[in-house]
Every structure is written in C-alpha cells, then in structure tokens.
C-alpha cells in the first residue's frame, strides 16, 4: 500500500513538507524511541567524521530540529542550518534559545535551489535528509556548487544492508514497529511508515557513492553502521 506522504515528481516537496510539519513537535522523542537512542551516537560520529574546524563555514542541509547544526556551532564553526519546514526550524530555534548559540543562522529554503553563491562553504552536512529530496542528483550538484575547493560533504541516512537476511529483518522492523510509534505519539502511523517507503526508492549507500563519483566528488567513501542499516557517506570537492 502506497504511503500518502510519498509521491514522485514535483509534488513530492509539498508532501514531505506536510509530513515534517505534522511530526515536528514529537520528532526528537520518536527518533529516540525508534532508534533506541542510537541516532545520537550516529550523529556524533557524523560530526567527528566531518572534521569540522573552528571558523569553518558550514551548511547543515535539511537541518530539522538543529541537533547537528548546534553540534557544529559548539566547536566554533559558523553554521547555516537550512530546512524548508517552518515547523522543524521553529524547533531548531527553540533549541538555540536553550543553548545560547550565536554562531548559527537558520534559513528556510529549498535544498535543490540553494540561496548561496558558488564556493562558499568549507563543509556541508546532511542528517536523514537526502532520502527525502525529489531530485537527489540535483541536490548533489547544488552542494558541489556551494562547496569551496577541497570542501567536504558528509551525509548520514538510512541504509540498505547488503546481507539479504539482515535487510529483510530491518525492513520488517521499519514496516511493523516504527509506524506503531507514530500511531502512539502522533496519532497517525503514516508519517513513520513513510520511512520504509522512501527507503525503497533511495539508492542506498553504495549507489550513492557511485553517484557522487560520477558528479566529480573525490575521496568518496561510506561507512556502514549496524551492518548497513544506517550509513555515513562522504566526499570532497
């Protein structure tokens, strides 16, 4: 059965925006529940692998509630957190008020049409964002354009395990258990059933690495987490 939040083509952005508007108030809580808190460890791994430096200019794409943005700012980077969901950015703003972060600017914009000049950023991070974009190749081209020479792209997302048995168990968990959290805490399973639907149409970590290489990213690699259930892809301009 097709998930109402997943559509292809031009309408996808509007549906995804609707989805994140609906789940923003409980987004962090349900992430903790469905990952048993492990998403926090994976995001720390992302920040470590980004090799962020004090005074880097970093773009946190699809920043959501801003946990990666604030982590980058906490080590001294100047950070732009970009998302197209007003609801998610409102949560990121609240997080900033609690942590008194002054090195972070939040921007509401489309990841496929970045409102920045060429060669501006030392680092671009994406956490659970690429899978939601209507045109992955266009997004990668935009990030390439916005990166400085030798700039780094690091992305964390759901993966596709190479082991078929492990993949089957993983997809079963996403199909049966994760929507239950949505029903219990959002009153609607569809926003979390969307995860599996979007993952079916996502190329996965190995194919993403190949796509990045075809677009002239260099030093491209990926790291599997939990046997490939999650992955971190990275590359340089």
Protein backbone atom coordinates (compact mmCIF):
# COMPACT_ATOMS: atom_id res chain seq x y z
CA UNK A 1 0.00 0.00 0.00
CA UNK A 2 1.42 3.37 -1.04
CA UNK A 3 2.13 5.87 1.71
CA UNK A 4 0.20 9.12 1.29
CA UNK A 5 3.31 11.17 2.08
CA UNK A 6 5.37 9.57 -0.69
CA UNK A 7 4.78 10.81 -4.21
CA UNK A 8 7.24 11.19 -7.04
CA UNK A 9 7.89 14.24 -9.15
CA UNK A 10 7.09 17.88 -8.49
CA UNK A 11 4.51 17.22 -5.75
CA UNK A 12 6.98 15.42 -3.51
CA UNK A 13 8.38 18.50 -1.81
CA UNK A 14 4.93 19.66 -0.72
CA UNK A 15 4.06 16.24 0.72
CA UNK A 16 7.35 15.96 2.60
CA UNK A 17 6.86 19.47 3.96
CA UNK A 18 3.40 18.45 5.17
CA UNK A 19 4.89 15.35 6.82
CA UNK A 20 7.55 17.21 8.78
CA UNK A 21 5.11 19.88 9.81
CA UNK A 22 2.96 17.15 11.33
CA UNK A 23 5.74 15.38 13.25
CA UNK A 24 7.91 18.35 14.31
CA UNK A 25 6.63 18.54 17.93
CA UNK A 26 7.48 14.86 18.61
CA UNK A 27 10.32 14.41 16.13
CA UNK A 28 13.20 14.11 18.60
CA UNK A 29 11.25 11.90 21.01
CA UNK A 30 10.24 9.38 18.36
CA UNK A 31 13.77 9.33 16.92
CA UNK A 32 14.99 8.33 20.38
CA UNK A 33 12.36 5.61 20.64
CA UNK A 34 12.67 4.08 17.20
CA UNK A 35 16.49 4.01 17.27
CA UNK A 36 16.77 3.17 20.99
CA UNK A 37 18.76 6.40 21.34
CA UNK A 38 21.43 5.26 18.88
CA UNK A 39 20.76 8.13 16.46
CA UNK A 40 22.56 10.40 18.92
CA UNK A 41 25.71 8.26 18.67
CA UNK A 42 25.49 8.17 14.88
CA UNK A 43 25.13 11.93 14.69
CA UNK A 44 28.16 12.38 16.93
CA UNK A 45 30.02 10.07 14.54
CA UNK A 46 28.90 12.27 11.66
CA UNK A 47 30.24 15.39 13.35
CA UNK A 48 33.54 13.66 14.13
CA UNK A 49 33.95 12.41 10.56
CA UNK A 50 33.16 15.87 9.21
CA UNK A 51 36.49 17.04 10.68
CA UNK A 52 34.85 20.38 11.41
CA UNK A 53 37.27 23.12 12.43
CA UNK A 54 36.81 26.32 14.38
CA UNK A 55 35.89 29.13 11.96
CA UNK A 56 34.79 26.74 9.21
CA UNK A 57 31.73 27.99 7.36
CA UNK A 58 29.37 25.01 7.44
CA UNK A 59 25.97 24.36 5.86
CA UNK A 60 23.76 21.86 7.68
CA UNK A 61 21.32 20.87 4.97
CA UNK A 62 17.84 19.59 5.88
CA UNK A 63 18.77 20.58 9.42
CA UNK A 64 15.46 19.61 11.03
CA UNK A 65 15.40 20.43 14.72
CA UNK A 66 19.03 21.56 14.56
CA UNK A 67 20.95 18.99 16.59
CA UNK A 68 23.77 18.73 14.03
CA UNK A 69 23.77 22.49 13.45
CA UNK A 70 24.25 23.18 17.13
CA UNK A 71 26.91 20.49 17.46
CA UNK A 72 28.92 22.11 14.66
CA UNK A 73 28.48 25.58 16.15
CA UNK A 74 29.58 24.32 19.57
CA UNK A 75 33.09 23.62 18.26
CA UNK A 76 33.42 27.12 16.81
CA UNK A 77 32.16 26.74 13.24
CA UNK A 78 29.93 29.38 11.68
CA UNK A 79 26.86 27.41 10.69
CA UNK A 80 23.88 27.91 8.40
CA UNK A 81 21.08 25.48 9.20
CA UNK A 82 18.77 25.14 6.20
CA UNK A 83 15.41 23.40 6.02
CA UNK A 84 12.18 24.03 4.10
CA UNK A 85 9.90 23.09 7.02
CA UNK A 86 8.89 26.05 9.17
CA UNK A 87 7.81 23.64 11.89
CA UNK A 88 11.20 21.99 12.11
CA UNK A 89 13.02 25.33 12.02
CA UNK A 90 10.85 26.56 14.89
CA UNK A 91 12.07 23.61 16.96
CA UNK A 92 15.66 24.36 15.95
CA UNK A 93 15.17 27.97 17.05
CA UNK A 94 13.90 26.80 20.44
CA UNK A 95 16.93 24.56 20.81
CA UNK A 96 19.15 27.55 20.03
CA UNK A 97 17.43 29.66 22.69
CA UNK A 98 18.18 26.96 25.27
CA UNK A 99 21.83 26.63 24.28
CA UNK A 100 22.56 30.33 23.58
CA UNK A 101 24.18 29.56 20.22
CA UNK A 102 25.28 32.72 18.42
CA UNK A 103 27.21 31.12 15.57
CA UNK A 104 24.10 29.66 13.93
CA UNK A 105 21.82 31.19 11.30
CA UNK A 106 18.62 29.36 10.36
CA UNK A 107 17.33 29.66 6.79
CA UNK A 108 14.08 28.41 5.25
CA UNK A 109 14.89 27.36 1.69
CA UNK A 110 14.87 24.53 -0.83
CA UNK A 111 17.88 22.17 -0.89
CA UNK A 112 17.52 21.87 -4.66
CA UNK A 113 17.97 25.64 -5.13
CA UNK A 114 20.42 26.79 -2.51
CA UNK A 115 20.31 30.57 -1.96
CA UNK A 116 24.09 30.88 -1.72
CA UNK A 117 26.89 31.84 -4.11
CA UNK A 118 29.34 29.37 -5.58
CA UNK A 119 32.23 28.05 -3.46
CA UNK A 120 31.04 29.42 -0.14
CA UNK A 121 31.16 26.52 2.36
CA UNK A 122 34.03 24.53 3.84
CA UNK A 123 31.65 21.79 4.97
CA UNK A 124 28.15 20.54 4.18
CA UNK A 125 26.43 18.04 6.44
CA UNK A 126 23.13 16.24 5.89
CA UNK A 127 21.42 14.10 8.50
CA UNK A 128 18.49 11.97 7.28
CA UNK A 129 17.80 14.43 4.50
CA UNK A 130 18.98 13.16 1.11
CA UNK A 131 16.39 10.39 1.09
CA UNK A 132 13.59 12.97 1.23
CA UNK A 133 14.66 15.09 -1.73
CA UNK A 134 12.75 14.98 -5.01
CA UNK A 135 15.93 15.05 -7.13
CA UNK A 136 18.98 13.56 -5.46
CA UNK A 137 21.33 14.27 -8.35
CA UNK A 138 20.30 17.93 -8.49
CA UNK A 139 20.85 18.22 -4.74
CA UNK A 140 24.36 16.79 -5.04
CA UNK A 141 25.11 19.20 -7.88
CA UNK A 142 23.91 22.13 -5.78
CA UNK A 143 26.07 21.05 -2.84
CA UNK A 144 29.07 20.69 -5.16
CA UNK A 145 28.44 24.21 -6.45
CA UNK A 146 28.22 25.67 -2.95
CA UNK A 147 31.34 23.91 -1.62
CA UNK A 148 34.74 25.55 -1.70
CA UNK A 149 37.51 23.61 -3.45
CA UNK A 150 38.50 20.78 -1.08
CA UNK A 151 35.23 21.31 0.83
CA UNK A 152 33.67 18.25 2.44
CA UNK A 153 30.22 16.67 2.19
CA UNK A 154 29.17 14.22 4.93
CA UNK A 155 25.73 12.59 4.99
CA UNK A 156 24.06 10.24 7.48
CA UNK A 157 20.96 8.34 6.41
CA UNK A 158 19.10 5.06 6.50
CA UNK A 159 20.94 2.41 4.50
CA UNK A 160 20.31 -0.79 2.61
CA UNK A 161 22.20 -3.73 4.15
CA UNK A 162 23.98 -5.91 1.60
CA UNK A 163 23.08 -9.05 3.56
CA UNK A 164 19.59 -10.01 2.34
CA UNK A 165 18.51 -11.66 5.61
CA UNK A 166 19.63 -8.64 7.65
CA UNK A 167 17.89 -6.33 5.17
CA UNK A 168 14.67 -8.35 5.46
CA UNK A 169 14.72 -8.16 9.26
CA UNK A 170 15.46 -4.44 9.12
CA UNK A 171 12.70 -3.68 6.63
CA UNK A 172 10.29 -5.74 8.74
CA UNK A 173 11.12 -3.58 11.75
CA UNK A 174 10.53 -0.42 9.70
CA UNK A 175 7.26 -1.79 8.34
CA UNK A 176 5.77 -3.21 11.54
CA UNK A 177 7.27 -1.41 14.54
CA UNK A 178 8.21 2.12 13.53
CA UNK A 179 4.67 3.10 12.38
CA UNK A 180 3.44 1.99 15.80
CA UNK A 181 5.46 4.81 17.40
CA UNK A 182 3.75 7.22 15.02
CA UNK A 183 0.32 5.93 15.97
CA UNK A 184 1.07 6.10 19.70
CA UNK A 185 2.75 9.51 19.80
CA UNK A 186 1.41 11.35 16.73
CA UNK A 187 -1.96 9.65 16.37
CA UNK A 188 -1.05 8.67 12.80
CA UNK A 189 1.25 5.85 11.62
CA UNK A 190 1.66 7.25 8.08
CA UNK A 191 4.49 9.74 8.80
CA UNK A 192 6.68 6.93 10.12
CA UNK A 193 5.54 4.31 7.62
CA UNK A 194 6.95 6.84 5.13
CA UNK A 195 10.49 5.92 6.21
CA UNK A 196 10.32 2.48 4.61
CA UNK A 197 8.51 3.78 1.53
CA UNK A 198 11.16 6.45 0.94
CA UNK A 199 13.98 3.97 1.58
CA UNK A 200 12.64 1.66 -1.13
CA UNK A 201 13.16 4.49 -3.64
CA UNK A 202 16.52 5.61 -2.21
CA UNK A 203 19.64 4.20 -3.92
CA UNK A 204 21.39 3.23 -0.68
CA UNK A 205 24.94 3.89 0.41
CA UNK A 206 26.88 2.07 -2.33
CA UNK A 207 24.86 3.53 -5.19
CA UNK A 208 25.00 6.98 -3.59
CA UNK A 209 28.79 6.71 -3.50
CA UNK A 210 28.80 5.81 -7.20
CA UNK A 211 26.57 8.78 -8.00
CA UNK A 212 28.86 11.12 -6.07
CA UNK A 213 31.87 9.85 -8.02
CA UNK A 214 30.03 10.40 -11.30
CA UNK A 215 29.49 14.03 -10.25
CA UNK A 216 33.24 14.53 -9.66
CA UNK A 217 33.32 14.25 -5.88
CA UNK A 218 36.64 12.76 -4.82
CA UNK A 219 37.79 10.64 -1.88
CA UNK A 220 34.28 9.19 -1.83
CA UNK A 221 33.56 6.51 0.75
CA UNK A 222 30.87 5.21 3.04
CA UNK A 223 30.80 3.67 6.49
CA UNK A 224 28.15 1.11 7.42
CA UNK A 225 26.54 1.30 10.83
CA UNK A 226 24.62 -1.64 12.33
CA UNK A 227 25.53 -3.83 9.38
CA UNK A 228 24.40 -1.24 6.85
CA UNK A 229 21.07 -0.33 8.46
CA UNK A 230 22.49 3.19 8.63
CA UNK A 231 25.42 4.65 6.73
CA UNK A 232 27.58 7.73 6.53
CA UNK A 233 28.65 8.78 3.02
CA UNK A 234 31.36 11.35 2.47
CA UNK A 235 33.31 13.01 -0.29
CA UNK A 236 35.26 16.14 -1.21
CA UNK A 237 35.13 18.69 -3.97
